[in-house]
Amino acid sequence: MPYQFSCSGGNCQFMIRSSSSDEVKRLVRAHVRMTHGGRIDQSDLERDMERIELA
């Protein structure tokens, strides 16, 4: 089942969708570090990552 994450930081339009939750987590951490200059807590990442069903 695919996973999706949309960044809610300011006017950021970063969104990722992947069948691998590990890949989503890795890329979200890299995005937050490079774009927003910070880190994301594991609990925030888990809360904001969604499982999606494909039609």
PDB file of N, CA and C in Angstrom:
ATOM      1  N   MET A   1       0.843  -1.168   0.000  1.00  0.00           N
ATOM      2  CA  MET A   1       0.000   0.000   0.000  1.00  0.00           C
ATOM      3  C   MET A   1       0.892   1.237   0.000  1.00  0.00           C
ATOM      4  N   PRO A   2       0.628   2.184  -0.861  1.00  0.00           N
ATOM      5  CA  PRO A   2       1.444   3.393  -0.955  1.00  0.00           C
ATOM      6  C   PRO A   2       1.301   4.312   0.259  1.00  0.00           C
ATOM      7  N   TYR A   3       2.337   5.103   0.465  1.00  0.00           N
ATOM      8  CA  TYR A   3       2.376   6.084   1.544  1.00  0.00           C
ATOM      9  C   TYR A   3       2.541   7.460   0.935  1.00  0.00           C
ATOM     10  N   GLN A   4       2.024   8.470   1.629  1.00  0.00           N
ATOM     11  CA  GLN A   4       2.103   9.843   1.140  1.00  0.00           C
ATOM     12  C   GLN A   4       2.411  10.776   2.302  1.00  0.00           C
ATOM     13  N   PHE A   5       3.190  11.816   1.988  1.00  0.00           N
ATOM     14  CA  PHE A   5       3.491  12.859   2.958  1.00  0.00           C
ATOM     15  C   PHE A   5       3.431  14.193   2.243  1.00  0.00           C
ATOM     16  N   SER A   6       2.733  15.155   2.846  1.00  0.00           N
ATOM     17  CA  SER A   6       2.686  16.527   2.331  1.00  0.00           C
ATOM     18  C   SER A   6       3.227  17.449   3.397  1.00  0.00           C
ATOM     19  N   CYS A   7       4.176  18.291   3.028  1.00  0.00           N
ATOM     20  CA  CYS A   7       4.784  19.220   3.974  1.00  0.00           C
ATOM     21  C   CYS A   7       3.808  20.344   4.289  1.00  0.00           C
ATOM     22  N   SER A   8       3.702  20.663   5.561  1.00  0.00           N
ATOM     23  CA  SER A   8       2.780  21.717   5.982  1.00  0.00           C
ATOM     24  C   SER A   8       3.530  22.966   6.421  1.00  0.00           C
ATOM     25  N   GLY A   9       4.804  23.061   6.094  1.00  0.00           N
ATOM     26  CA  GLY A   9       5.627  24.195   6.506  1.00  0.00           C
ATOM     27  C   GLY A   9       5.450  25.416   5.627  1.00  0.00           C
ATOM     28  N   GLY A  10       4.752  26.427   6.119  1.00  0.00           N
ATOM     29  CA  GLY A  10       4.592  27.685   5.390  1.00  0.00           C
ATOM     30  C   GLY A  10       3.948  27.499   4.031  1.00  0.00           C
ATOM     31  N   ASN A  11       4.593  28.019   2.994  1.00  0.00           N
ATOM     32  CA  ASN A  11       4.078  27.905   1.626  1.00  0.00           C
ATOM     33  C   ASN A  11       4.692  26.725   0.884  1.00  0.00           C
ATOM     34  N   CYS A  12       5.258  25.795   1.607  1.00  0.00           N
ATOM     35  CA  CYS A  12       5.940  24.654   1.003  1.00  0.00           C
ATOM     36  C   CYS A  12       4.927  23.752   0.286  1.00  0.00           C
ATOM     37  N   GLN A  13       5.313  23.281  -0.900  1.00  0.00           N
ATOM     38  CA  GLN A  13       4.442  22.423  -1.677  1.00  0.00           C
ATOM     39  C   GLN A  13       5.048  21.038  -1.885  1.00  0.00           C
ATOM     40  N   PHE A  14       5.977  20.645  -1.017  1.00  0.00           N
ATOM     41  CA  PHE A  14       6.622  19.339  -1.125  1.00  0.00           C
ATOM     42  C   PHE A  14       5.621  18.239  -0.806  1.00  0.00           C
ATOM     43  N   MET A  15       5.527  17.253  -1.688  1.00  0.00           N
ATOM     44  CA  MET A  15       4.709  16.083  -1.455  1.00  0.00           C
ATOM     45  C   MET A  15       5.426  14.888  -2.055  1.00  0.00           C
ATOM     46  N   ILE A  16       5.375  13.778  -1.340  1.00  0.00           N
ATOM     47  CA  ILE A  16       5.986  12.556  -1.847  1.00  0.00           C
ATOM     48  C   ILE A  16       5.004  11.414  -1.671  1.00  0.00           C
ATOM     49  N   ARG A  17       5.055  10.501  -2.625  1.00  0.00           N
ATOM     50  CA  ARG A  17       4.220   9.308  -2.590  1.00  0.00           C
ATOM     51  C   ARG A  17       5.096   8.138  -3.003  1.00  0.00           C
ATOM     52  N   SER A  18       5.081   7.061  -2.219  1.00  0.00           N
ATOM     53  CA  SER A  18       5.921   5.904  -2.520  1.00  0.00           C
ATOM     54  C   SER A  18       5.310   4.654  -1.910  1.00  0.00           C
ATOM     55  N   SER A  19       5.664   3.510  -2.460  1.00  0.00           N
ATOM     56  CA  SER A  19       5.200   2.239  -1.897  1.00  0.00           C
ATOM     57  C   SER A  19       6.049   1.823  -0.694  1.00  0.00           C
ATOM     58  N   SER A  20       7.133   2.529  -0.450  1.00  0.00           N
ATOM     59  CA  SER A  20       8.039   2.211   0.656  1.00  0.00           C
ATOM     60  C   SER A  20       7.955   3.283   1.745  1.00  0.00           C
ATOM     61  N   SER A  21       7.523   2.886   2.934  1.00  0.00           N
ATOM     62  CA  SER A  21       7.455   3.849   4.036  1.00  0.00           C
ATOM     63  C   SER A  21       8.847   4.320   4.432  1.00  0.00           C
ATOM     64  N   ASP A  22       9.838   3.450   4.328  1.00  0.00           N
ATOM     65  CA  ASP A  22      11.214   3.833   4.660  1.00  0.00           C
ATOM     66  C   ASP A  22      11.731   4.910   3.704  1.00  0.00           C
ATOM     67  N   GLU A  23      11.387   4.791   2.428  1.00  0.00           N
ATOM     68  CA  GLU A  23      11.816   5.789   1.453  1.00  0.00           C
ATOM     69  C   GLU A  23      11.159   7.138   1.741  1.00  0.00           C
ATOM     70  N   VAL A  24       9.868   7.125   2.055  1.00  0.00           N
ATOM     71  CA  VAL A  24       9.165   8.366   2.381  1.00  0.00           C
ATOM     72  C   VAL A  24       9.820   9.027   3.585  1.00  0.00           C
ATOM     73  N   LYS A  25      10.083   8.272   4.640  1.00  0.00           N
ATOM     74  CA  LYS A  25      10.697   8.828   5.847  1.00  0.00           C
ATOM     75  C   LYS A  25      12.066   9.426   5.553  1.00  0.00           C
ATOM     76  N   ARG A  26      12.874   8.714   4.778  1.00  0.00           N
ATOM     77  CA  ARG A  26      14.221   9.185   4.450  1.00  0.00           C
ATOM     78  C   ARG A  26      14.172  10.493   3.655  1.00  0.00           C
ATOM     79  N   LEU A  27      13.301  10.550   2.659  1.00  0.00           N
ATOM     80  CA  LEU A  27      13.213  11.745   1.827  1.00  0.00           C
ATOM     81  C   LEU A  27      12.572  12.916   2.557  1.00  0.00           C
ATOM     82  N   VAL A  28      11.632  12.655   3.434  1.00  0.00           N
ATOM     83  CA  VAL A  28      11.029  13.731   4.226  1.00  0.00           C
ATOM     84  C   VAL A  28      12.063  14.327   5.170  1.00  0.00           C
ATOM     85  N   ARG A  29      12.853  13.478   5.824  1.00  0.00           N
ATOM     86  CA  ARG A  29      13.908  13.987   6.714  1.00  0.00           C
ATOM     87  C   ARG A  29      14.900  14.846   5.938  1.00  0.00           C
ATOM     88  N   ALA A  30      15.283  14.392   4.744  1.00  0.00           N
ATOM     89  CA  ALA A  30      16.216  15.167   3.913  1.00  0.00           C
ATOM     90  C   ALA A  30      15.579  16.489   3.497  1.00  0.00           C
ATOM     91  N   HIS A  31      14.318  16.472   3.130  1.00  0.00           N
ATOM     92  CA  HIS A  31      13.619  17.695   2.737  1.00  0.00           C
ATOM     93  C   HIS A  31      13.586  18.698   3.878  1.00  0.00           C
ATOM     94  N   VAL A  32      13.195  18.250   5.067  1.00  0.00           N
ATOM     95  CA  VAL A  32      13.095  19.158   6.215  1.00  0.00           C
ATOM     96  C   VAL A  32      14.463  19.739   6.559  1.00  0.00           C
ATOM     97  N   ARG A  33      15.496  18.908   6.510  1.00  0.00           N
ATOM     98  CA  ARG A  33      16.846  19.368   6.825  1.00  0.00           C
ATOM     99  C   ARG A  33      17.339  20.388   5.803  1.00  0.00           C
ATOM    100  N   MET A  34      17.153  20.102   4.514  1.00  0.00           N
ATOM    101  CA  MET A  34      17.696  20.962   3.463  1.00  0.00           C
ATOM    102  C   MET A  34      16.842  22.210   3.209  1.00  0.00           C
ATOM    103  N   THR A  35      15.541  22.085   3.256  1.00  0.00           N
ATOM    104  CA  THR A  35      14.651  23.192   2.906  1.00  0.00           C
ATOM    105  C   THR A  35      14.304  24.067   4.093  1.00  0.00           C
ATOM    106  N   HIS A  36      14.046  23.433   5.221  1.00  0.00           N
ATOM    107  CA  HIS A  36      13.578  24.175   6.386  1.00  0.00           C
ATOM    108  C   HIS A  36      14.651  24.334   7.463  1.00  0.00           C
ATOM    109  N   GLY A  37      15.818  23.725   7.232  1.00  0.00           N
ATOM    110  CA  GLY A  37      16.943  23.876   8.160  1.00  0.00           C
ATOM    111  C   GLY A  37      16.696  23.298   9.534  1.00  0.00           C
ATOM    112  N   GLY A  38      15.945  22.231   9.604  1.00  0.00           N
ATOM    113  CA  GLY A  38      15.646  21.632  10.911  1.00  0.00           C
ATOM    114  C   GLY A  38      15.492  20.131  10.822  1.00  0.00           C
ATOM    115  N   ARG A  39      14.855  19.597  11.825  1.00  0.00           N
ATOM    116  CA  ARG A  39      14.594  18.160  11.905  1.00  0.00           C
ATOM    117  C   ARG A  39      13.123  17.939  12.191  1.00  0.00           C
ATOM    118  N   ILE A  40      12.649  16.755  11.867  1.00  0.00           N
ATOM    119  CA  ILE A  40      11.268  16.403  12.147  1.00  0.00           C
ATOM    120  C   ILE A  40      11.267  15.268  13.169  1.00  0.00           C
ATOM    121  N   ASP A  41      10.450  15.412  14.183  1.00  0.00           N
ATOM    122  CA  ASP A  41      10.325  14.359  15.194  1.00  0.00           C
ATOM    123  C   ASP A  41       9.679  13.125  14.581  1.00  0.00           C
ATOM    124  N   GLN A  42      10.085  11.974  15.068  1.00  0.00           N
ATOM    125  CA  GLN A  42       9.525  10.710  14.587  1.00  0.00           C
ATOM    126  C   GLN A  42       8.004  10.694  14.739  1.00  0.00           C
ATOM    127  N   SER A  43       7.504  11.198  15.854  1.00  0.00           N
ATOM    128  CA  SER A  43       6.051  11.197  16.091  1.00  0.00           C
ATOM    129  C   SER A  43       5.330  12.103  15.089  1.00  0.00           C
ATOM    130  N   ASP A  44       5.924  13.243  14.748  1.00  0.00           N
ATOM    131  CA  ASP A  44       5.322  14.136  13.755  1.00  0.00           C
ATOM    132  C   ASP A  44       5.326  13.492  12.371  1.00  0.00           C
ATOM    133  N   LEU A  45       6.407  12.830  12.051  1.00  0.00           N
ATOM    134  CA  LEU A  45       6.516  12.160  10.761  1.00  0.00           C
ATOM    135  C   LEU A  45       5.469  11.064  10.643  1.00  0.00           C
ATOM    136  N   GLU A  46       5.349  10.245  11.681  1.00  0.00           N
ATOM    137  CA  GLU A  46       4.368   9.155  11.669  1.00  0.00           C
ATOM    138  C   GLU A  46       2.946   9.703  11.578  1.00  0.00           C
ATOM    139  N   ARG A  47       2.672  10.790  12.277  1.00  0.00           N
ATOM    140  CA  ARG A  47       1.330  11.367  12.295  1.00  0.00           C
ATOM    141  C   ARG A  47       0.954  11.937  10.927  1.00  0.00           C
ATOM    142  N   ASP A  48       1.908  12.578  10.241  1.00  0.00           N
ATOM    143  CA  ASP A  48       1.617  13.248   8.987  1.00  0.00           C
ATOM    144  C   ASP A  48       1.730  12.344   7.758  1.00  0.00           C
ATOM    145  N   MET A  49       2.295  11.149   7.927  1.00  0.00           N
ATOM    146  CA  MET A  49       2.416  10.225   6.805  1.00  0.00           C
ATOM    147  C   MET A  49       1.112   9.429   6.696  1.00  0.00           C
ATOM    148  N   GLU A  50       0.560   9.389   5.492  1.00  0.00           N
ATOM    149  CA  GLU A  50      -0.720   8.729   5.288  1.00  0.00           C
ATOM    150  C   GLU A  50      -0.550   7.484   4.427  1.00  0.00           C
ATOM    151  N   ARG A  51      -1.368   6.477   4.708  1.00  0.00           N
ATOM    152  CA  ARG A  51      -1.489   5.344   3.803  1.00  0.00           C
ATOM    153  C   ARG A  51      -2.614   5.677   2.839  1.00  0.00           C
ATOM    154  N   ILE A  52      -2.369   5.452   1.579  1.00  0.00           N
ATOM    155  CA  ILE A  52      -3.396   5.783   0.594  1.00  0.00           C
ATOM    156  C   ILE A  52      -3.753   4.536  -0.217  1.00  0.00           C
ATOM    157  N   GLU A  53      -4.970   4.512  -0.669  1.00  0.00           N
ATOM    158  CA  GLU A  53      -5.427   3.424  -1.511  1.00  0.00           C
ATOM    159  C   GLU A  53      -5.519   3.912  -2.949  1.00  0.00           C
ATOM    160  N   LEU A  54      -4.977   3.131  -3.837  1.00  0.00           N
ATOM    161  CA  LEU A  54      -5.048   3.486  -5.243  1.00  0.00           C
ATOM    162  C   LEU A  54      -6.370   2.996  -5.812  1.00  0.00           C
ATOM    163  N   ALA A  55      -6.917   3.770  -6.712  1.00  0.00           N
ATOM    164  CA  ALA A  55      -8.210   3.417  -7.321  1.00  0.00           C
ATOM    165  C   ALA A  55      -8.066   2.299  -8.320  1.00  0.00           C
TER     166      ALA A  55
END
